[in-house]
C-alpha atoms as a PDB file:
ATOM      1  CA  UNK A   1      61.302 -72.446-161.521  1.00  0.00           C
ATOM      2  CA  UNK A   2      65.015 -71.863-162.079  1.00  0.00           C
ATOM      3  CA  UNK A   3      67.282 -74.266-164.024  1.00  0.00           C
ATOM      4  CA  UNK A   4      70.952 -74.093-163.232  1.00  0.00           C
ATOM      5  CA  UNK A   5      73.687 -76.087-164.915  1.00  0.00           C
ATOM      6  CA  UNK A   6      77.149 -76.617-163.344  1.00  0.00           C
ATOM      7  CA  UNK A   7      79.673 -76.805-166.156  1.00  0.00           C
ATOM      8  CA  UNK A   8      83.308 -76.637-166.891  1.00  0.00           C
ATOM      9  CA  UNK A   9      85.014 -77.980-170.033  1.00  0.00           C
ATOM     10  CA  UNK A  10      87.767 -79.374-167.746  1.00  0.00           C
ATOM     11  CA  UNK A  11      86.922 -82.490-165.746  1.00  0.00           C
ATOM     12  CA  UNK A  12      88.125 -83.247-162.135  1.00  0.00           C
ATOM     13  CA  UNK A  13      87.432 -79.880-160.682  1.00  0.00           C
ATOM     14  CA  UNK A  14      84.809 -81.161-158.186  1.00  0.00           C
ATOM     15  CA  UNK A  15      81.769 -80.253-160.142  1.00  0.00           C
ATOM     16  CA  UNK A  16      79.608 -83.161-159.263  1.00  0.00           C
ATOM     17  CA  UNK A  17      80.453 -82.942-155.553  1.00  0.00           C
ATOM     18  CA  UNK A  18      79.507 -79.193-155.753  1.00  0.00           C
ATOM     19  CA  UNK A  19      76.095 -80.051-157.305  1.00  0.00           C
ATOM     20  CA  UNK A  20      75.455 -82.758-154.725  1.00  0.00           C
ATOM     21  CA  UNK A  21      76.140 -80.512-151.753  1.00  0.00           C
ATOM     22  CA  UNK A  22      74.343 -77.499-153.215  1.00  0.00           C
ATOM     23  CA  UNK A  23      71.261 -79.716-153.699  1.00  0.00           C
ATOM     24  CA  UNK A  24      71.368 -80.760-150.114  1.00  0.00           C
ATOM     25  CA  UNK A  25      71.858 -77.255-148.847  1.00  0.00           C
ATOM     26  CA  UNK A  26      68.996 -76.027-151.062  1.00  0.00           C
ATOM     27  CA  UNK A  27      66.780 -78.481-149.211  1.00  0.00           C
ATOM     28  CA  UNK A  28      68.229 -77.383-145.866  1.00  0.00           C
ATOM     29  CA  UNK A  29      67.164 -73.766-146.779  1.00  0.00           C
ATOM     30  CA  UNK A  30      63.598 -75.043-147.466  1.00  0.00           C
ATOM     31  CA  UNK A  31      63.793 -75.211-151.267  1.00  0.00           C
ATOM     32  CA  UNK A  32      62.301 -78.030-153.309  1.00  0.00           C
ATOM     33  CA  UNK A  33      65.063 -79.327-155.623  1.00  0.00           C
ATOM     34  CA  UNK A  34      65.241 -81.536-158.667  1.00  0.00           C
ATOM     35  CA  UNK A  35      68.745 -82.805-159.358  1.00  0.00           C
ATOM     36  CA  UNK A  36      69.204 -84.012-162.979  1.00  0.00           C
ATOM     37  CA  UNK A  37      72.125 -86.162-163.930  1.00  0.00           C
ATOM     38  CA  UNK A  38      72.940 -85.527-167.619  1.00  0.00           C
ATOM     39  CA  UNK A  39      76.512 -86.713-167.468  1.00  0.00           C
ATOM     40  CA  UNK A  40      76.893 -90.142-169.220  1.00  0.00           C
ATOM     41  CA  UNK A  41      79.243 -91.076-166.441  1.00  0.00           C
ATOM     42  CA  UNK A  42      76.316 -90.822-163.947  1.00  0.00           C
ATOM     43  CA  UNK A  43      78.605 -89.917-161.046  1.00  0.00           C
ATOM     44  CA  UNK A  44      75.987 -87.624-159.401  1.00  0.00           C
ATOM     45  CA  UNK A  45      73.506 -90.583-159.315  1.00  0.00           C
ATOM     46  CA  UNK A  46      76.127 -92.889-157.579  1.00  0.00           C
ATOM     47  CA  UNK A  47      76.631 -90.104-155.008  1.00  0.00           C
ATOM     48  CA  UNK A  48      72.920 -89.794-154.151  1.00  0.00           C
ATOM     49  CA  UNK A  49      72.046 -93.487-154.161  1.00  0.00           C
ATOM     50  CA  UNK A  50      73.357 -96.573-152.272  1.00  0.00           C
ATOM     51  CA  UNK A  51      74.364 -99.647-154.266  1.00  0.00           C
ATOM     52  CA  UNK A  52      71.278-101.805-153.614  1.00  0.00           C
ATOM     53  CA  UNK A  53      69.164 -98.895-154.801  1.00  0.00           C
ATOM     54  CA  UNK A  54      71.143 -98.430-157.903  1.00  0.00           C
ATOM     55  CA  UNK A  55      70.648-101.983-158.751  1.00  0.00           C
ATOM     56  CA  UNK A  56      66.869-101.226-159.122  1.00  0.00           C
ATOM     57  CA  UNK A  57      67.696 -98.108-161.276  1.00  0.00           C
ATOM     58  CA  UNK A  58      70.174-100.046-163.487  1.00  0.00           C
ATOM     59  CA  UNK A  59      68.980-103.681-163.319  1.00  0.00           C
ATOM     60  CA  UNK A  60      70.879-106.454-165.026  1.00  0.00           C
ATOM     61  CA  UNK A  61      67.605-107.548-166.637  1.00  0.00           C
ATOM     62  CA  UNK A  62      64.841-105.256-167.855  1.00  0.00           C
ATOM     63  CA  UNK A  63      64.808-101.506-168.723  1.00  0.00           C
ATOM     64  CA  UNK A  64      66.662 -98.930-166.720  1.00  0.00           C
ATOM     65  CA  UNK A  65      64.739 -96.502-164.571  1.00  0.00           C
ATOM     66  CA  UNK A  66      66.877 -93.462-165.577  1.00  0.00           C
ATOM     67  CA  UNK A  67      67.068 -90.640-168.007  1.00  0.00           C
ATOM     68  CA  UNK A  68      67.661 -93.210-170.644  1.00  0.00           C
ATOM     69  CA  UNK A  69      64.118 -94.654-170.296  1.00  0.00           C
ATOM     70  CA  UNK A  70      62.711 -91.165-171.008  1.00  0.00           C
ATOM     71  CA  UNK A  71      64.398 -90.848-174.346  1.00  0.00           C
ATOM     72  CA  UNK A  72      64.492 -94.451-175.630  1.00  0.00           C
ATOM     73  CA  UNK A  73      61.303 -93.884-177.613  1.00  0.00           C
ATOM     74  CA  UNK A  74      63.060 -91.099-179.493  1.00  0.00           C
ATOM     75  CA  UNK A  75      66.354 -93.062-179.936  1.00  0.00           C
ATOM     76  CA  UNK A  76      64.387 -96.139-181.287  1.00  0.00           C
ATOM     77  CA  UNK A  77      62.248 -93.917-183.516  1.00  0.00           C
ATOM     78  CA  UNK A  78      59.068 -95.230-181.813  1.00  0.00           C
ATOM     79  CA  UNK A  79      57.693 -92.082-180.245  1.00  0.00           C
ATOM     80  CA  UNK A  80      58.261 -89.116-178.066  1.00  0.00           C
ATOM     81  CA  UNK A  81      59.661 -88.705-174.474  1.00  0.00           C
ATOM     82  CA  UNK A  82      58.382 -91.071-171.729  1.00  0.00           C
ATOM     83  CA  UNK A  83      57.583 -90.155-168.102  1.00  0.00           C
ATOM     84  CA  UNK A  84      60.632 -89.730-166.024  1.00  0.00           C
ATOM     85  CA  UNK A  85      61.346 -92.290-163.242  1.00  0.00           C
ATOM     86  CA  UNK A  86      62.115 -89.926-160.406  1.00  0.00           C
ATOM     87  CA  UNK A  87      63.759 -90.950-157.216  1.00  0.00           C
ATOM     88  CA  UNK A  88      62.927 -89.314-153.804  1.00  0.00           C
ATOM     89  CA  UNK A  89      66.164 -88.795-152.039  1.00  0.00           C
ATOM     90  CA  UNK A  90      64.876 -86.936-148.908  1.00  0.00           C
ATOM     91  CA  UNK A  91      62.300 -84.354-148.199  1.00  0.00           C
ATOM     92  CA  UNK A  92      62.907 -81.555-150.711  1.00  0.00           C
ATOM     93  CA  UNK A  93      65.170 -83.484-153.098  1.00  0.00           C
ATOM     94  CA  UNK A  94      64.204 -85.621-156.061  1.00  0.00           C
ATOM     95  CA  UNK A  95      66.738 -87.144-158.552  1.00  0.00           C
ATOM     96  CA  UNK A  96      66.379 -87.852-162.238  1.00  0.00           C
ATOM     97  CA  UNK A  97      69.051 -90.569-162.416  1.00  0.00           C
ATOM     98  CA  UNK A  98      71.724 -90.654-165.095  1.00  0.00           C
ATOM     99  CA  UNK A  99      72.768 -93.508-167.143  1.00  0.00           C
ATOM    100  CA  UNK A 100      75.861 -94.729-168.976  1.00  0.00           C
ATOM    101  CA  UNK A 101      73.683 -95.444-171.987  1.00  0.00           C
ATOM    102  CA  UNK A 102      72.889 -91.785-172.310  1.00  0.00           C
ATOM    103  CA  UNK A 103      75.773 -91.542-174.856  1.00  0.00           C
ATOM    104  CA  UNK A 104      73.450 -93.392-177.325  1.00  0.00           C
ATOM    105  CA  UNK A 105      71.511 -90.100-177.727  1.00  0.00           C
ATOM    106  CA  UNK A 106      74.676 -88.168-178.921  1.00  0.00           C
ATOM    107  CA  UNK A 107      74.449 -89.004-182.525  1.00  0.00           C
ATOM    108  CA  UNK A 108      70.603 -88.405-182.574  1.00  0.00           C
ATOM    109  CA  UNK A 109      71.154 -84.945-181.147  1.00  0.00           C
ATOM    110  CA  UNK A 110      74.017 -84.184-183.566  1.00  0.00           C
ATOM    111  CA  UNK A 111      71.929 -85.176-186.620  1.00  0.00           C
ATOM    112  CA  UNK A 112      68.880 -83.262-185.458  1.00  0.00           C
ATOM    113  CA  UNK A 113      70.689 -79.972-184.841  1.00  0.00           C
ATOM    114  CA  UNK A 114      71.138 -78.811-188.402  1.00  0.00           C
ATOM    115  CA  UNK A 115      67.663 -80.187-189.379  1.00  0.00           C
ATOM    116  CA  UNK A 116      66.016 -77.758-187.111  1.00  0.00           C
ATOM    117  CA  UNK A 117      66.912 -74.986-189.503  1.00  0.00           C
ATOM    118  CA  UNK A 118      64.775 -76.784-192.122  1.00  0.00           C
ATOM    119  CA  UNK A 119      61.772 -76.611-189.737  1.00  0.00           C
ATOM    120  CA  UNK A 120      61.893 -80.406-189.192  1.00  0.00           C
ATOM    121  CA  UNK A 121      59.293 -81.221-186.439  1.00  0.00           C
ATOM    122  CA  UNK A 122      60.983 -84.436-185.383  1.00  0.00           C
ATOM    123  CA  UNK A 123      64.317 -82.694-185.043  1.00  0.00           C
ATOM    124  CA  UNK A 124      62.794 -80.144-182.716  1.00  0.00           C
ATOM    125  CA  UNK A 125      61.350 -82.969-180.589  1.00  0.00           C
ATOM    126  CA  UNK A 126      64.821 -84.460-180.203  1.00  0.00           C
ATOM    127  CA  UNK A 127      66.643 -81.242-179.326  1.00  0.00           C
ATOM    128  CA  UNK A 128      63.988 -80.180-176.842  1.00  0.00           C
ATOM    129  CA  UNK A 129      63.792 -83.568-175.144  1.00  0.00           C
ATOM    130  CA  UNK A 130      65.818 -82.698-172.104  1.00  0.00           C
ATOM    131  CA  UNK A 131      63.987 -79.410-171.695  1.00  0.00           C
ATOM    132  CA  UNK A 132      60.577 -81.056-171.745  1.00  0.00           C
ATOM    133  CA  UNK A 133      61.626 -83.946-169.504  1.00  0.00           C
ATOM    134  CA  UNK A 134      63.059 -81.521-166.935  1.00  0.00           C
ATOM    135  CA  UNK A 135      59.881 -79.219-166.924  1.00  0.00           C
ATOM    136  CA  UNK A 136      57.547 -82.259-166.590  1.00  0.00           C
ATOM    137  CA  UNK A 137      59.640 -83.627-163.795  1.00  0.00           C
ATOM    138  CA  UNK A 138      59.747 -80.258-161.955  1.00  0.00           C
ATOM    139  CA  UNK A 139      56.035 -79.890-162.174  1.00  0.00           C
ATOM    140  CA  UNK A 140      55.558 -83.447-160.942  1.00  0.00           C
ATOM    141  CA  UNK A 141      57.845 -82.839-157.845  1.00  0.00           C
ATOM    142  CA  UNK A 142      56.789 -79.201-157.335  1.00  0.00           C
ATOM    143  CA  UNK A 143      60.439 -78.270-157.639  1.00  0.00           C
ATOM    144  CA  UNK A 144      61.350 -74.645-157.675  1.00  0.00           C
ATOM    145  CA  UNK A 145      65.091 -75.260-158.481  1.00  0.00           C
ATOM    146  CA  UNK A 146      66.614 -77.608-160.964  1.00  0.00           C
ATOM    147  CA  UNK A 147      70.301 -78.389-160.676  1.00  0.00           C
ATOM    148  CA  UNK A 148      71.862 -80.102-163.778  1.00  0.00           C
ATOM    149  CA  UNK A 149      75.160 -82.008-163.723  1.00  0.00           C
ATOM    150  CA  UNK A 150      76.725 -82.400-167.145  1.00  0.00           C
ATOM    151  CA  UNK A 151      79.895 -83.983-168.443  1.00  0.00           C
ATOM    152  CA  UNK A 152      83.200 -82.109-169.187  1.00  0.00           C
ATOM    153  CA  UNK A 153      82.856 -81.711-172.994  1.00  0.00           C
ATOM    154  CA  UNK A 154      81.344 -79.602-175.577  1.00  0.00           C
ATOM    155  CA  UNK A 155      79.321 -82.245-177.377  1.00  0.00           C
ATOM    156  CA  UNK A 156      75.691 -82.503-178.419  1.00  0.00           C
ATOM    157  CA  UNK A 157      74.361 -83.871-175.158  1.00  0.00           C
ATOM    158  CA  UNK A 158      75.772 -80.840-173.334  1.00  0.00           C
ATOM    159  CA  UNK A 159      74.554 -78.524-175.925  1.00  0.00           C
ATOM    160  CA  UNK A 160      70.950 -79.761-175.429  1.00  0.00           C
ATOM    161  CA  UNK A 161      71.420 -79.665-171.729  1.00  0.00           C
ATOM    162  CA  UNK A 162      72.662 -76.028-171.830  1.00  0.00           C
ATOM    163  CA  UNK A 163      69.915 -74.898-174.021  1.00  0.00           C
ATOM    164  CA  UNK A 164      67.386 -76.125-171.428  1.00  0.00           C
ATOM    165  CA  UNK A 165      69.258 -74.002-168.781  1.00  0.00           C
ATOM    166  CA  UNK A 166      68.449 -70.542-167.379  1.00  0.00           C
ATOM    167  CA  UNK A 167      71.825 -70.076-165.709  1.00  0.00           C
ATOM    168  CA  UNK A 168      75.287 -71.580-165.784  1.00  0.00           C
ATOM    169  CA  UNK A 169      77.642 -71.875-162.732  1.00  0.00           C
ATOM    170  CA  UNK A 170      81.260 -72.575-163.512  1.00  0.00           C
ATOM    171  CA  UNK A 171      83.272 -74.632-161.097  1.00  0.00           C
ATOM    172  CA  UNK A 172      86.995 -73.944-161.297  1.00  0.00           C
ATOM    173  CA  UNK A 173      90.217 -75.448-159.869  1.00  0.00           C
ATOM    174  CA  UNK A 174      93.223 -73.081-159.938  1.00  0.00           C
ATOM    175  CA  UNK A 175      95.221 -74.429-162.850  1.00  0.00           C
ATOM    176  CA  UNK A 176      96.068 -74.127-166.530  1.00  0.00           C
ATOM    177  CA  UNK A 177      93.478 -76.716-167.789  1.00  0.00           C
ATOM    178  CA  UNK A 178      90.575 -75.365-165.763  1.00  0.00           C
ATOM    179  CA  UNK A 179      91.241 -71.803-167.048  1.00  0.00           C
ATOM    180  CA  UNK A 180      91.576 -73.160-170.549  1.00  0.00           C
ATOM    181  CA  UNK A 181      88.211 -74.662-170.077  1.00  0.00           C
ATOM    182  CA  UNK A 182      86.796 -71.124-169.494  1.00  0.00           C
ATOM    183  CA  UNK A 183      88.367 -69.950-172.753  1.00  0.00           C
ATOM    184  CA  UNK A 184      86.497 -72.705-174.552  1.00  0.00           C
ATOM    185  CA  UNK A 185      83.259 -72.492-172.725  1.00  0.00           C
ATOM    186  CA  UNK A 186      82.652 -68.772-173.025  1.00  0.00           C
ATOM    187  CA  UNK A 187      82.573 -68.512-176.908  1.00  0.00           C
ATOM    188  CA  UNK A 188      80.767 -71.890-177.070  1.00  0.00           C
ATOM    189  CA  UNK A 189      77.920 -70.530-174.937  1.00  0.00           C
ATOM    190  CA  UNK A 190      77.531 -67.528-177.254  1.00  0.00           C
ATOM    191  CA  UNK A 191      77.564 -69.682-180.302  1.00  0.00           C
ATOM    192  CA  UNK A 192      75.045 -72.167-178.935  1.00  0.00           C
ATOM    193  CA  UNK A 193      72.742 -69.355-177.705  1.00  0.00           C
ATOM    194  CA  UNK A 194      72.938 -67.531-181.130  1.00  0.00           C
ATOM    195  CA  UNK A 195      72.327 -70.732-183.105  1.00  0.00           C
ATOM    196  CA  UNK A 196      69.431 -71.705-181.006  1.00  0.00           C
ATOM    197  CA  UNK A 197      67.724 -68.429-181.634  1.00  0.00           C
ATOM    198  CA  UNK A 198      68.169 -69.044-185.357  1.00  0.00           C
ATOM    199  CA  UNK A 199      66.451 -72.434-185.104  1.00  0.00           C
ATOM    200  CA  UNK A 200      63.570 -70.980-182.956  1.00  0.00           C
ATOM    201  CA  UNK A 201      62.805 -68.708-185.995  1.00  0.00           C
ATOM    202  CA  UNK A 202      62.557 -71.799-188.232  1.00  0.00           C
ATOM    203  CA  UNK A 203      60.158 -73.620-185.871  1.00  0.00           C
ATOM    204  CA  UNK A 204      56.924 -74.573-187.549  1.00  0.00           C
ATOM    205  CA  UNK A 205      54.187 -72.383-186.127  1.00  0.00           C
ATOM    206  CA  UNK A 206      51.853 -75.369-185.474  1.00  0.00           C
ATOM    207  CA  UNK A 207      54.512 -77.333-183.456  1.00  0.00           C
ATOM    208  CA  UNK A 208      52.830 -77.253-180.121  1.00  0.00           C
ATOM    209  CA  UNK A 209      55.517 -78.329-177.729  1.00  0.00           C
ATOM    210  CA  UNK A 210      57.473 -76.294-175.095  1.00  0.00           C
ATOM    211  CA  UNK A 211      60.585 -74.559-176.424  1.00  0.00           C
ATOM    212  CA  UNK A 212      63.517 -73.676-174.247  1.00  0.00           C
ATOM    213  CA  UNK A 213      64.486 -69.967-174.346  1.00  0.00           C
ATOM    214  CA  UNK A 214      68.184 -71.013-174.431  1.00  0.00           C
ATOM    215  CA  UNK A 215      69.209 -68.247-171.902  1.00  0.00           C
ATOM    216  CA  UNK A 216      72.238 -70.109-170.302  1.00  0.00           C
ATOM    217  CA  UNK A 217      73.278 -66.966-168.535  1.00  0.00           C
ATOM    218  CA  UNK A 218      76.583 -67.183-166.741  1.00  0.00           C
ATOM    219  CA  UNK A 219      76.179 -66.169-163.071  1.00  0.00           C
ATOM    220  CA  UNK A 220      79.804 -66.608-161.826  1.00  0.00           C
ATOM    221  CA  UNK A 221      82.330 -69.088-160.911  1.00  0.00           C
ATOM    222  CA  UNK A 222      83.149 -71.164-157.804  1.00  0.00           C
ATOM    223  CA  UNK A 223      86.754 -71.845-156.894  1.00  0.00           C
ATOM    224  CA  UNK A 224      87.316 -75.397-155.611  1.00  0.00           C
ATOM    225  CA  UNK A 225      90.421 -75.351-153.505  1.00  0.00           C
ATOM    226  CA  UNK A 226      93.277 -77.520-154.549  1.00  0.00           C
ATOM    227  CA  UNK A 227      94.854 -80.437-152.662  1.00  0.00           C
ATOM    228  CA  UNK A 228      98.198 -79.094-151.620  1.00  0.00           C
ATOM    229  CA  UNK A 229     101.210 -80.971-152.829  1.00  0.00           C
ATOM    230  CA  UNK A 230     104.828 -80.599-152.072  1.00  0.00           C
ATOM    231  CA  UNK A 231     105.615 -80.156-155.792  1.00  0.00           C
ATOM    232  CA  UNK A 232     102.759 -77.566-156.310  1.00  0.00           C
ATOM    233  CA  UNK A 233     103.360 -74.538-154.085  1.00  0.00           C
ATOM    234  CA  UNK A 234     100.640 -72.397-152.793  1.00  0.00           C
ATOM    235  CA  UNK A 235     102.097 -69.365-154.724  1.00  0.00           C
ATOM    236  CA  UNK A 236     101.554 -71.111-157.917  1.00  0.00           C
ATOM    237  CA  UNK A 237      97.912 -71.608-157.248  1.00  0.00           C
ATOM    238  CA  UNK A 238      97.516 -67.950-156.207  1.00  0.00           C
ATOM    239  CA  UNK A 239      99.071 -67.037-159.595  1.00  0.00           C
ATOM    240  CA  UNK A 240      96.311 -68.998-161.285  1.00  0.00           C
ATOM    241  CA  UNK A 241      93.679 -67.561-159.130  1.00  0.00           C
ATOM    242  CA  UNK A 242      94.780 -64.008-160.103  1.00  0.00           C
ATOM    243  CA  UNK A 243      94.274 -64.881-163.750  1.00  0.00           C
ATOM    244  CA  UNK A 244      90.595 -66.051-163.368  1.00  0.00           C
ATOM    245  CA  UNK A 245      88.869 -62.571-163.266  1.00  0.00           C
ATOM    246  CA  UNK A 246      90.449 -61.484-166.607  1.00  0.00           C
ATOM    247  CA  UNK A 247      89.683 -64.765-168.389  1.00  0.00           C
ATOM    248  CA  UNK A 248      86.114 -64.943-167.122  1.00  0.00           C
ATOM    249  CA  UNK A 249      85.234 -61.367-168.068  1.00  0.00           C
ATOM    250  CA  UNK A 250      87.011 -61.592-171.451  1.00  0.00           C
ATOM    251  CA  UNK A 251      85.945 -65.042-172.664  1.00  0.00           C
ATOM    252  CA  UNK A 252      82.818 -65.800-170.718  1.00  0.00           C
ATOM    253  CA  UNK A 253      81.141 -62.328-170.402  1.00  0.00           C
ATOM    254  CA  UNK A 254      83.023 -60.632-173.271  1.00  0.00           C
ATOM    255  CA  UNK A 255      83.813 -57.552-171.289  1.00  0.00           C
ATOM    256  CA  UNK A 256      87.045 -55.616-171.624  1.00  0.00           C
ATOM    257  CA  UNK A 257      87.069 -54.390-168.006  1.00  0.00           C
ATOM    258  CA  UNK A 258      87.860 -56.602-165.052  1.00  0.00           C
ATOM    259  CA  UNK A 259      89.176 -56.381-161.481  1.00  0.00           C
ATOM    260  CA  UNK A 260      92.767 -57.147-160.813  1.00  0.00           C
ATOM    261  CA  UNK A 261      91.917 -58.681-157.382  1.00  0.00           C
ATOM    262  CA  UNK A 262      90.489 -62.131-157.409  1.00  0.00           C
ATOM    263  CA  UNK A 263      89.304 -61.769-153.763  1.00  0.00           C
ATOM    264  CA  UNK A 264      86.993 -58.867-154.747  1.00  0.00           C
ATOM    265  CA  UNK A 265      85.825 -60.111-158.203  1.00  0.00           C
ATOM    266  CA  UNK A 266      82.018 -59.742-158.364  1.00  0.00           C
ATOM    267  CA  UNK A 267      81.840 -62.782-160.594  1.00  0.00           C
ATOM    268  CA  UNK A 268      83.287 -65.049-157.855  1.00  0.00           C
ATOM    269  CA  UNK A 269      80.363 -66.768-156.152  1.00  0.00           C
ATOM    270  CA  UNK A 270      82.521 -68.428-153.544  1.00  0.00           C
ATOM    271  CA  UNK A 271      85.505 -70.428-152.580  1.00  0.00           C
ATOM    272  CA  UNK A 272      85.142 -74.001-151.255  1.00  0.00           C
ATOM    273  CA  UNK A 273      87.805 -75.620-149.149  1.00  0.00           C
ATOM    274  CA  UNK A 274      89.000 -79.059-149.994  1.00  0.00           C
ATOM    275  CA  UNK A 275      87.635 -81.262-147.160  1.00  0.00           C
ATOM    276  CA  UNK A 276      89.737 -84.242-148.272  1.00  0.00           C
ATOM    277  CA  UNK A 277      89.839 -85.945-144.891  1.00  0.00           C
ATOM    278  CA  UNK A 278      86.114 -85.835-144.515  1.00  0.00           C
ATOM    279  CA  UNK A 279      85.071 -87.148-147.907  1.00  0.00           C
ATOM    280  CA  UNK A 280      85.684 -90.841-147.091  1.00  0.00           C
ATOM    281  CA  UNK A 281      83.421 -90.395-144.044  1.00  0.00           C
ATOM    282  CA  UNK A 282      80.780 -88.721-146.170  1.00  0.00           C
ATOM    283  CA  UNK A 283      80.946 -91.472-148.795  1.00  0.00           C
ATOM    284  CA  UNK A 284      80.572 -94.229-146.237  1.00  0.00           C
ATOM    285  CA  UNK A 285      77.709 -92.416-144.540  1.00  0.00           C
ATOM    286  CA  UNK A 286      76.016 -91.521-147.805  1.00  0.00           C
ATOM    287  CA  UNK A 287      75.428 -87.969-146.878  1.00  0.00           C
ATOM    288  CA  UNK A 288      77.094 -84.545-147.613  1.00  0.00           C
ATOM    289  CA  UNK A 289      80.127 -83.510-145.505  1.00  0.00           C
ATOM    290  CA  UNK A 290      78.142 -80.910-143.595  1.00  0.00           C
ATOM    291  CA  UNK A 291      75.668 -83.569-142.381  1.00  0.00           C
ATOM    292  CA  UNK A 292      78.281 -85.773-140.804  1.00  0.00           C
ATOM    293  CA  UNK A 293      77.916 -86.450-137.034  1.00  0.00           C
ATOM    294  CA  UNK A 294      80.086 -87.934-134.366  1.00  0.00           C
ATOM    295  CA  UNK A 295      78.423 -91.327-135.078  1.00  0.00           C
ATOM    296  CA  UNK A 296      79.818 -91.092-138.561  1.00  0.00           C
ATOM    297  CA  UNK A 297      83.330 -90.491-137.165  1.00  0.00           C
ATOM    298  CA  UNK A 298      83.351 -86.637-137.318  1.00  0.00           C
ATOM    299  CA  UNK A 299      84.831 -85.998-133.910  1.00  0.00           C
ATOM    300  CA  UNK A 300      87.404 -83.517-132.579  1.00  0.00           C
ATOM    301  CA  UNK A 301      89.023 -81.431-135.461  1.00  0.00           C
ATOM    302  CA  UNK A 302      86.589 -83.161-137.897  1.00  0.00           C
ATOM    303  CA  UNK A 303      83.625 -81.950-136.012  1.00  0.00           C
ATOM    304  CA  UNK A 304      84.886 -78.464-136.322  1.00  0.00           C
ATOM    305  CA  UNK A 305      85.512 -78.849-139.997  1.00  0.00           C
ATOM    306  CA  UNK A 306      81.945 -80.108-140.504  1.00  0.00           C
ATOM    307  CA  UNK A 307      80.577 -76.899-138.909  1.00  0.00           C
ATOM    308  CA  UNK A 308      82.799 -74.805-141.126  1.00  0.00           C
ATOM    309  CA  UNK A 309      81.687 -76.787-144.209  1.00  0.00           C
ATOM    310  CA  UNK A 310      78.081 -76.228-143.420  1.00  0.00           C
ATOM    311  CA  UNK A 311      78.534 -72.422-143.184  1.00  0.00           C
ATOM    312  CA  UNK A 312      80.651 -72.448-146.433  1.00  0.00           C
ATOM    313  CA  UNK A 313      78.017 -74.184-148.368  1.00  0.00           C
ATOM    314  CA  UNK A 314      75.150 -72.230-146.767  1.00  0.00           C
ATOM    315  CA  UNK A 315      76.710 -68.935-147.853  1.00  0.00           C
ATOM    316  CA  UNK A 316      77.609 -70.318-151.306  1.00  0.00           C
ATOM    317  CA  UNK A 317      74.183 -71.699-151.931  1.00  0.00           C
ATOM    318  CA  UNK A 318      72.467 -68.549-150.714  1.00  0.00           C
ATOM    319  CA  UNK A 319      74.579 -66.558-153.142  1.00  0.00           C
ATOM    320  CA  UNK A 320      73.733 -68.882-156.007  1.00  0.00           C
ATOM    321  CA  UNK A 321      70.072 -68.648-155.176  1.00  0.00           C
ATOM    322  CA  UNK A 322      70.391 -64.789-154.987  1.00  0.00           C
ATOM    323  CA  UNK A 323      72.229 -64.462-158.331  1.00  0.00           C
ATOM    324  CA  UNK A 324      69.665 -66.635-160.216  1.00  0.00           C
ATOM    325  CA  UNK A 325      66.632 -65.055-158.657  1.00  0.00           C
ATOM    326  CA  UNK A 326      65.720 -68.331-156.862  1.00  0.00           C
ATOM    327  CA  UNK A 327      65.989 -66.745-153.473  1.00  0.00           C
ATOM    328  CA  UNK A 328      62.720 -64.865-154.263  1.00  0.00           C
ATOM    329  CA  UNK A 329      60.865 -68.131-154.909  1.00  0.00           C
ATOM    330  CA  UNK A 330      60.314 -69.125-151.196  1.00  0.00           C
ATOM    331  CA  UNK A 331      61.696 -66.556-148.986  1.00  0.00           C
ATOM    332  CA  UNK A 332      59.224 -67.565-146.267  1.00  0.00           C
ATOM    333  CA  UNK A 333      60.968 -71.059-146.199  1.00  0.00           C
ATOM    334  CA  UNK A 334      64.162 -69.565-144.901  1.00  0.00           C
END
């Protein structure tokens, strides 16, 4: 089972939309996918589920059936993680819904992080909560790929999420703030990885719970094409794209050598076009863009764009699976 987190310190780059479409395409390719929404904004959950179904996950009265219900016993100090209330989206896709209340866990995670160095058993149970919930859920659904969506920050929730990740994919939009996000994220990943290894050495030998390895290996970046505006010339975006290879190699991979050509950069997983005109149709149909049909309004030029979108995401998803080793899990399914 491979765990892949999609993360950029800069919001608004299309990260959640990317996770959503990659999850669907993984299922199209015969993979069993668990999508995990660890962003307190829960945008991935609202993309996957219709409003009437969301009302059962986040009822006005009674407990929520979301990631929050898994960790409430820890937050309240009454026990350990609870069983995850998973949602079947379609064949091959299950969702662990997010929750606005997930932010309640931030302080608990922050407080537990330093206490792990003292060998505190309760602190280790807190820090590994996401890892253990994810693995229990993946076993329950027989998932061979876990895709995690997180918020655009470097807080304690994301630290616990990344520790539970084998790989990190970085969505980027050509622009100053997105590239600054790379400059922030690279050193942070190294720090989190190193500090977690220190805590693993302090783990009590008789603490019998699964521990994440904290690999969080960067596997590359995906460029999300901009929406062209009259006051933002295409040349300006090309200038930002040309800066990506150097920044990724220097700050994320800590290498001194890099390619000058963004088109041939080996760290570039793919380039996804902005399908702005199709997104409203996809939202109304509650499906990914590449699954739109003429009945959904995808006719004429839109139909051609849907076919192009399918191939774009198929190639992108296959490359992600290849880079993370997930393509070897079920080759017979493709």
